[in-house]
């Protein structure tokens, strides 16, 4: 026999359910806001490495942190450019102590301690989708370290600003174009920065660089010359820029673990990757632009996978402005 309930009973039941849902949501939201406030949040250091925390996931506001300090000893009377030219000519190895010291003392700029001056200060995510994907695959870790090569002006399309503002990561911004770098410095990023390019060789070298805002690139071979000719509305505007191997710059910072490496340098990505001693650097995740290199997507993918990585995702934007592959180290545990 079917039991019939009065209509009022259904209404009362619905109200009770709504009230329970509201209190459950309010309790969890309040808990997250209290625990994860910018001033009071303390990471759970007792949790095992790789521990997934829903609270950490919901930390989506800017947090304050003190960037790491790397002592340098700059001597104003030392002609470091002449010394650098000698090392370029000698093609010194990536781990040459003199090279490491000069990079640390004369080329790397320290993180800013001033407040951000961003065009969009209220935003937390500035990338084209790469950042939230990497964040989730790294289990929302705090206090990591990033490298962004092709950092542009430090804000537009940045794949790393979220990690700095929200996850309190230290990092390194690499930008070769001095015009872009000048603007980058005004943003007051809480990261080390260097106005140089990543070398496509396993030694430092001075190269010709064609400026072009987000289309600037090394211009020292036939491949690059043809690429610049094909690019619409891109005039020839060359300067001389110092390049360093990525490994050398990281040694100068005493940093051999990189949680996230963003590589977008308009065509020389493969050449830079070939210089990296993956047995000496622990790079956990990478996003690499693939569209401008002559080697092609599959060659790039195969090379990185041969170094012990899985290809997780290909990111492309409808207008062709983004063409990245995201890689993660095999067997990665955080």
Protein backbone atom coordinates (compact mmCIF):
# COMPACT_ATOMS: atom_id res chain seq x y z
CA UNK A 1 0.00 0.00 0.00
CA UNK A 2 1.35 3.47 -0.90
CA UNK A 3 1.74 5.95 1.93
CA UNK A 4 0.82 9.53 1.04
CA UNK A 5 2.56 12.41 2.83
CA UNK A 6 1.01 15.88 3.11
CA UNK A 7 2.46 18.58 0.88
CA UNK A 8 3.60 20.52 3.94
CA UNK A 9 5.80 17.60 4.95
CA UNK A 10 7.67 17.79 1.63
CA UNK A 11 8.16 21.53 2.04
CA UNK A 12 9.44 21.15 5.61
CA UNK A 13 11.79 18.37 4.53
CA UNK A 14 13.22 20.52 1.74
CA UNK A 15 13.81 23.40 4.15
CA UNK A 16 15.66 21.13 6.59
CA UNK A 17 17.92 19.82 3.81
CA UNK A 18 18.72 23.35 2.63
CA UNK A 19 19.55 24.48 6.17
CA UNK A 20 21.88 21.49 6.70
CA UNK A 21 23.67 22.15 3.40
CA UNK A 22 24.06 25.84 4.26
CA UNK A 23 25.57 25.15 7.68
CA UNK A 24 27.90 22.50 6.27
CA UNK A 25 29.17 24.86 3.55
CA UNK A 26 29.47 27.82 5.93
CA UNK A 27 31.43 25.77 8.45
CA UNK A 28 33.96 24.56 5.87
CA UNK A 29 34.28 27.96 4.22
CA UNK A 30 34.82 29.65 7.57
CA UNK A 31 37.39 27.04 8.52
CA UNK A 32 39.33 27.56 5.28
CA UNK A 33 39.27 31.34 5.63
CA UNK A 34 40.57 31.21 9.19
CA UNK A 35 43.30 28.65 8.60
CA UNK A 36 44.45 30.04 5.27
CA UNK A 37 44.46 33.77 5.91
CA UNK A 38 47.48 35.59 4.51
CA UNK A 39 48.94 36.30 7.96
CA UNK A 40 48.13 33.13 9.87
CA UNK A 41 48.47 30.25 7.44
CA UNK A 42 51.10 27.70 8.52
CA UNK A 43 51.72 24.72 6.21
CA UNK A 44 51.32 21.30 7.78
CA UNK A 45 54.98 20.25 7.90
CA UNK A 46 54.06 17.03 9.71
CA UNK A 47 52.14 15.67 6.71
CA UNK A 48 54.04 13.10 4.63
CA UNK A 49 55.53 14.23 1.32
CA UNK A 50 52.85 14.12 -1.34
CA UNK A 51 50.02 14.54 1.13
CA UNK A 52 46.92 15.96 -0.55
CA UNK A 53 45.16 18.64 1.45
CA UNK A 54 41.79 20.06 0.50
CA UNK A 55 42.57 23.09 2.65
CA UNK A 56 45.72 23.76 0.69
CA UNK A 57 43.72 23.52 -2.53
CA UNK A 58 41.34 26.21 -1.35
CA UNK A 59 44.10 28.71 -0.53
CA UNK A 60 43.30 31.08 -3.36
CA UNK A 61 44.24 34.48 -2.00
CA UNK A 62 47.49 36.38 -2.08
CA UNK A 63 49.81 35.44 0.77
CA UNK A 64 52.83 37.27 2.12
CA UNK A 65 56.22 35.61 2.32
CA UNK A 66 59.89 36.53 2.60
CA UNK A 67 61.90 35.60 -0.53
CA UNK A 68 65.15 33.72 -0.03
CA UNK A 69 68.40 35.69 0.03
CA UNK A 70 71.54 34.74 -1.90
CA UNK A 71 74.56 36.76 -0.73
CA UNK A 72 76.57 38.47 -3.46
CA UNK A 73 79.86 40.40 -3.39
CA UNK A 74 79.89 43.03 -6.10
CA UNK A 75 83.13 44.94 -6.62
CA UNK A 76 82.54 48.18 -8.52
CA UNK A 77 86.14 48.32 -9.71
CA UNK A 78 86.05 44.83 -11.25
CA UNK A 79 85.56 44.72 -15.03
CA UNK A 80 83.18 41.77 -15.02
CA UNK A 81 82.23 42.24 -18.68
CA UNK A 82 85.85 41.79 -19.77
CA UNK A 83 86.12 38.70 -17.55
CA UNK A 84 82.88 37.41 -19.02
CA UNK A 85 84.18 37.90 -22.57
CA UNK A 86 87.25 35.80 -21.75
CA UNK A 87 85.04 33.01 -20.45
CA UNK A 88 82.80 33.23 -23.52
CA UNK A 89 85.83 32.94 -25.78
CA UNK A 90 87.22 30.03 -23.76
CA UNK A 91 83.83 28.26 -23.74
CA UNK A 92 84.24 27.43 -20.07
CA UNK A 93 82.14 24.54 -18.72
CA UNK A 94 78.76 25.16 -17.13
CA UNK A 95 80.01 24.54 -13.60
CA UNK A 96 83.14 26.68 -13.77
CA UNK A 97 83.40 28.38 -10.33
CA UNK A 98 84.44 31.72 -11.86
CA UNK A 99 81.38 31.71 -14.11
CA UNK A 100 79.07 30.84 -11.20
CA UNK A 101 80.49 33.66 -9.09
CA UNK A 102 80.16 36.29 -11.82
CA UNK A 103 76.56 35.32 -12.53
CA UNK A 104 75.73 35.54 -8.83
CA UNK A 105 77.52 38.83 -8.20
CA UNK A 106 76.94 40.81 -11.41
CA UNK A 107 74.01 39.43 -13.41
CA UNK A 108 71.29 38.18 -11.06
CA UNK A 109 68.99 40.79 -9.51
CA UNK A 110 67.46 39.94 -6.10
CA UNK A 111 63.71 39.70 -5.43
CA UNK A 112 61.88 42.94 -4.80
CA UNK A 113 60.76 43.73 -1.26
CA UNK A 114 58.37 46.45 -2.43
CA UNK A 115 54.62 45.96 -3.00
CA UNK A 116 53.52 44.68 -6.40
CA UNK A 117 52.68 47.27 -9.05
CA UNK A 118 50.66 45.13 -11.45
CA UNK A 119 48.24 46.20 -14.14
CA UNK A 120 45.75 43.66 -12.79
CA UNK A 121 46.52 43.43 -9.06
CA UNK A 122 43.28 41.62 -8.25
CA UNK A 123 44.04 38.66 -10.48
CA UNK A 124 45.67 35.54 -9.10
CA UNK A 125 46.02 33.49 -12.30
CA UNK A 126 47.72 35.07 -15.31
CA UNK A 127 48.51 32.09 -17.54
CA UNK A 128 46.46 30.52 -20.30
CA UNK A 129 45.56 27.43 -18.32
CA UNK A 130 48.99 25.96 -17.67
CA UNK A 131 49.22 27.17 -14.06
CA UNK A 132 46.11 25.55 -12.53
CA UNK A 133 46.91 22.25 -14.25
CA UNK A 134 50.49 22.22 -12.93
CA UNK A 135 49.30 23.35 -9.49
CA UNK A 136 46.92 20.40 -9.21
CA UNK A 137 49.51 17.89 -10.46
CA UNK A 138 51.95 19.14 -7.83
CA UNK A 139 49.33 18.70 -5.10
CA UNK A 140 49.16 22.44 -4.38
CA UNK A 141 52.57 22.50 -2.72
CA UNK A 142 53.75 25.64 -0.96
CA UNK A 143 57.27 27.03 -0.88
CA UNK A 144 58.43 25.58 -4.19
CA UNK A 145 60.81 27.02 -6.76
CA UNK A 146 60.09 27.95 -10.39
CA UNK A 147 62.02 29.14 -13.44
CA UNK A 148 60.28 31.11 -16.18
CA UNK A 149 62.35 31.65 -19.31
CA UNK A 150 60.70 34.15 -21.61
CA UNK A 151 59.25 36.04 -18.65
CA UNK A 152 58.25 38.99 -20.87
CA UNK A 153 57.13 41.89 -18.64
CA UNK A 154 56.60 39.79 -15.53
CA UNK A 155 52.80 39.83 -15.73
CA UNK A 156 51.32 39.29 -19.19
CA UNK A 157 50.65 35.58 -19.69
CA UNK A 158 52.87 34.71 -16.72
CA UNK A 159 52.94 30.99 -15.92
CA UNK A 160 54.54 31.60 -12.51
CA UNK A 161 52.99 34.66 -10.85
CA UNK A 162 50.24 32.52 -9.28
CA UNK A 163 52.81 30.31 -7.55
CA UNK A 164 54.54 33.39 -6.20
CA UNK A 165 51.42 35.22 -5.00
CA UNK A 166 49.34 32.30 -3.77
CA UNK A 167 51.70 29.37 -3.08
CA UNK A 168 54.62 31.50 -1.81
CA UNK A 169 57.21 30.07 -4.17
CA UNK A 170 60.61 31.57 -4.80
CA UNK A 171 61.74 31.65 -8.39
CA UNK A 172 63.85 32.93 -11.25
CA UNK A 173 62.62 35.09 -14.13
CA UNK A 174 64.75 35.05 -17.30
CA UNK A 175 64.16 37.75 -19.91
CA UNK A 176 66.63 38.63 -22.67
CA UNK A 177 64.96 41.74 -24.13
CA UNK A 178 66.18 44.77 -22.10
CA UNK A 179 62.99 46.72 -22.87
CA UNK A 180 60.81 43.94 -21.48
CA UNK A 181 63.16 43.51 -18.55
CA UNK A 182 62.92 47.17 -17.63
CA UNK A 183 59.13 46.85 -17.37
CA UNK A 184 59.44 43.53 -15.54
CA UNK A 185 61.49 45.21 -12.81
CA UNK A 186 58.73 47.77 -12.19
CA UNK A 187 56.29 44.95 -11.28
CA UNK A 188 58.31 44.19 -8.12
CA UNK A 189 58.16 40.43 -8.51
CA UNK A 190 59.27 38.48 -5.44
CA UNK A 191 61.70 36.49 -7.56
CA UNK A 192 65.29 36.55 -8.71
CA UNK A 193 65.62 37.89 -12.23
CA UNK A 194 68.26 38.08 -14.92
CA UNK A 195 68.44 40.16 -18.09
CA UNK A 196 70.04 37.44 -20.21
CA UNK A 197 69.08 34.52 -22.39
CA UNK A 198 69.39 30.81 -21.74
CA UNK A 199 72.28 29.46 -23.77
CA UNK A 200 71.69 26.95 -26.53
CA UNK A 201 75.23 25.69 -25.86
CA UNK A 202 76.78 24.02 -22.84
CA UNK A 203 78.85 27.12 -22.19
CA UNK A 204 78.22 30.88 -21.90
CA UNK A 205 78.18 32.94 -25.07
CA UNK A 206 77.25 36.33 -26.45
CA UNK A 207 74.57 36.19 -29.15
CA UNK A 208 72.65 38.44 -31.50
CA UNK A 209 69.08 38.81 -30.27
CA UNK A 210 66.16 40.23 -32.26
CA UNK A 211 63.85 42.29 -30.05
CA UNK A 212 60.11 41.89 -30.60
CA UNK A 213 58.18 42.05 -27.28
CA UNK A 214 56.65 38.55 -27.05
CA UNK A 215 58.33 37.43 -30.29
CA UNK A 216 61.92 38.24 -29.43
CA UNK A 217 64.46 35.46 -29.97
CA UNK A 218 68.10 34.57 -30.52
CA UNK A 219 69.04 35.54 -34.06
CA UNK A 220 72.30 33.75 -34.83
CA UNK A 221 71.54 31.13 -37.48
CA UNK A 222 69.66 30.52 -40.72
CA UNK A 223 66.73 28.96 -38.89
CA UNK A 224 66.17 32.12 -36.85
CA UNK A 225 66.60 34.41 -39.85
CA UNK A 226 63.92 32.53 -41.79
CA UNK A 227 61.60 32.56 -38.79
CA UNK A 228 61.85 36.35 -38.39
CA UNK A 229 61.15 36.82 -42.10
CA UNK A 230 57.98 34.73 -41.82
CA UNK A 231 56.64 36.63 -38.82
CA UNK A 232 54.23 39.37 -39.84
CA UNK A 233 54.96 42.93 -38.68
CA UNK A 234 58.18 41.92 -36.95
CA UNK A 235 61.00 44.31 -37.89
CA UNK A 236 64.67 43.44 -37.58
CA UNK A 237 65.90 45.09 -34.38
CA UNK A 238 69.00 43.28 -33.16
CA UNK A 239 71.18 43.72 -30.07
CA UNK A 240 73.92 41.73 -28.36
CA UNK A 241 72.81 39.68 -25.34
CA UNK A 242 74.75 37.51 -22.91
CA UNK A 243 73.56 33.90 -22.63
CA UNK A 244 74.14 31.45 -19.78
CA UNK A 245 73.37 27.74 -19.47
CA UNK A 246 70.39 27.16 -17.19
CA UNK A 247 72.52 24.90 -15.01
CA UNK A 248 75.05 27.70 -14.43
CA UNK A 249 72.39 30.18 -13.29
CA UNK A 250 70.81 27.65 -10.94
CA UNK A 251 74.20 26.83 -9.43
CA UNK A 252 74.69 30.55 -8.83
CA UNK A 253 71.47 30.47 -6.79
CA UNK A 254 72.37 27.20 -5.06
CA UNK A 255 69.16 25.74 -6.45
CA UNK A 256 69.27 22.30 -8.07
CA UNK A 257 65.58 21.45 -7.53
CA UNK A 258 63.01 23.16 -9.75
CA UNK A 259 59.37 22.35 -9.12
CA UNK A 260 58.17 24.02 -12.33
CA UNK A 261 60.11 25.17 -15.41
CA UNK A 262 58.30 27.30 -18.00
CA UNK A 263 60.21 27.51 -21.29
CA UNK A 264 58.87 29.82 -24.00
CA UNK A 265 61.64 31.40 -26.10
CA UNK A 266 60.22 31.41 -29.62
CA UNK A 267 61.99 28.49 -31.23
CA UNK A 268 65.13 27.52 -29.30
CA UNK A 269 63.39 25.42 -26.66
CA UNK A 270 64.84 22.15 -27.93
CA UNK A 271 68.37 23.55 -28.04
CA UNK A 272 68.11 24.77 -24.44
CA UNK A 273 66.72 21.45 -23.25
CA UNK A 274 69.69 19.66 -24.84
CA UNK A 275 72.06 21.63 -22.57
CA UNK A 276 70.37 20.57 -19.32
CA UNK A 277 72.08 17.88 -17.22
CA UNK A 278 68.90 16.14 -16.10
CA UNK A 279 70.94 13.82 -13.91
CA UNK A 280 72.12 16.82 -11.87
CA UNK A 281 68.94 18.92 -11.82
CA UNK A 282 65.66 17.71 -10.33
CA UNK A 283 63.06 19.41 -12.55
CA UNK A 284 59.65 18.09 -11.54
CA UNK A 285 57.33 19.64 -14.14
CA UNK A 286 57.82 21.62 -17.33
CA UNK A 287 55.69 23.47 -19.83
CA UNK A 288 57.50 23.88 -23.15
CA UNK A 289 56.39 25.77 -26.26
CA UNK A 290 56.77 23.56 -29.33
CA UNK A 291 55.38 25.43 -32.31
CA UNK A 292 58.34 27.58 -33.46
CA UNK A 293 61.17 25.05 -33.44
CA UNK A 294 62.19 23.35 -36.69
CA UNK A 295 62.45 19.99 -34.92
CA UNK A 296 58.70 19.75 -34.47
CA UNK A 297 56.38 18.66 -31.70
CA UNK A 298 57.07 14.93 -31.82
CA UNK A 299 60.86 15.32 -31.72
CA UNK A 300 60.56 17.59 -28.70
CA UNK A 301 58.14 15.25 -26.98
CA UNK A 302 60.33 12.19 -27.62
CA UNK A 303 63.45 13.95 -26.34
CA UNK A 304 61.86 15.04 -23.06
CA UNK A 305 60.26 11.63 -22.52
CA UNK A 306 63.68 10.02 -23.03
CA UNK A 307 64.89 12.07 -20.06
CA UNK A 308 62.36 10.42 -17.77
CA UNK A 309 59.18 12.44 -18.22
CA UNK A 310 55.56 11.77 -19.13
CA UNK A 311 53.70 14.04 -21.54
CA UNK A 312 50.56 15.01 -19.64
CA UNK A 313 48.81 17.67 -21.70
CA UNK A 314 49.01 19.73 -24.87
CA UNK A 315 47.74 23.28 -24.33
CA UNK A 316 46.65 25.31 -27.35
CA UNK A 317 44.67 28.53 -27.65
CA UNK A 318 42.18 29.21 -30.40
CA UNK A 319 44.24 32.09 -31.89
CA UNK A 320 47.53 30.16 -31.94
CA UNK A 321 49.00 32.28 -29.15
CA UNK A 322 49.65 29.25 -26.93
CA UNK A 323 51.20 25.97 -28.03
CA UNK A 324 52.69 24.16 -25.03
CA UNK A 325 53.28 20.61 -23.88
CA UNK A 326 53.24 19.98 -20.13
CA UNK A 327 55.59 17.28 -18.84
CA UNK A 328 55.93 15.66 -15.43
CA UNK A 329 58.80 13.59 -14.10
CA UNK A 330 58.01 9.88 -13.97
CA UNK A 331 57.25 8.50 -10.53
CA UNK A 332 57.00 11.98 -9.03
CA UNK A 333 56.01 12.05 -5.37
CA UNK A 334 55.48 15.30 -3.46
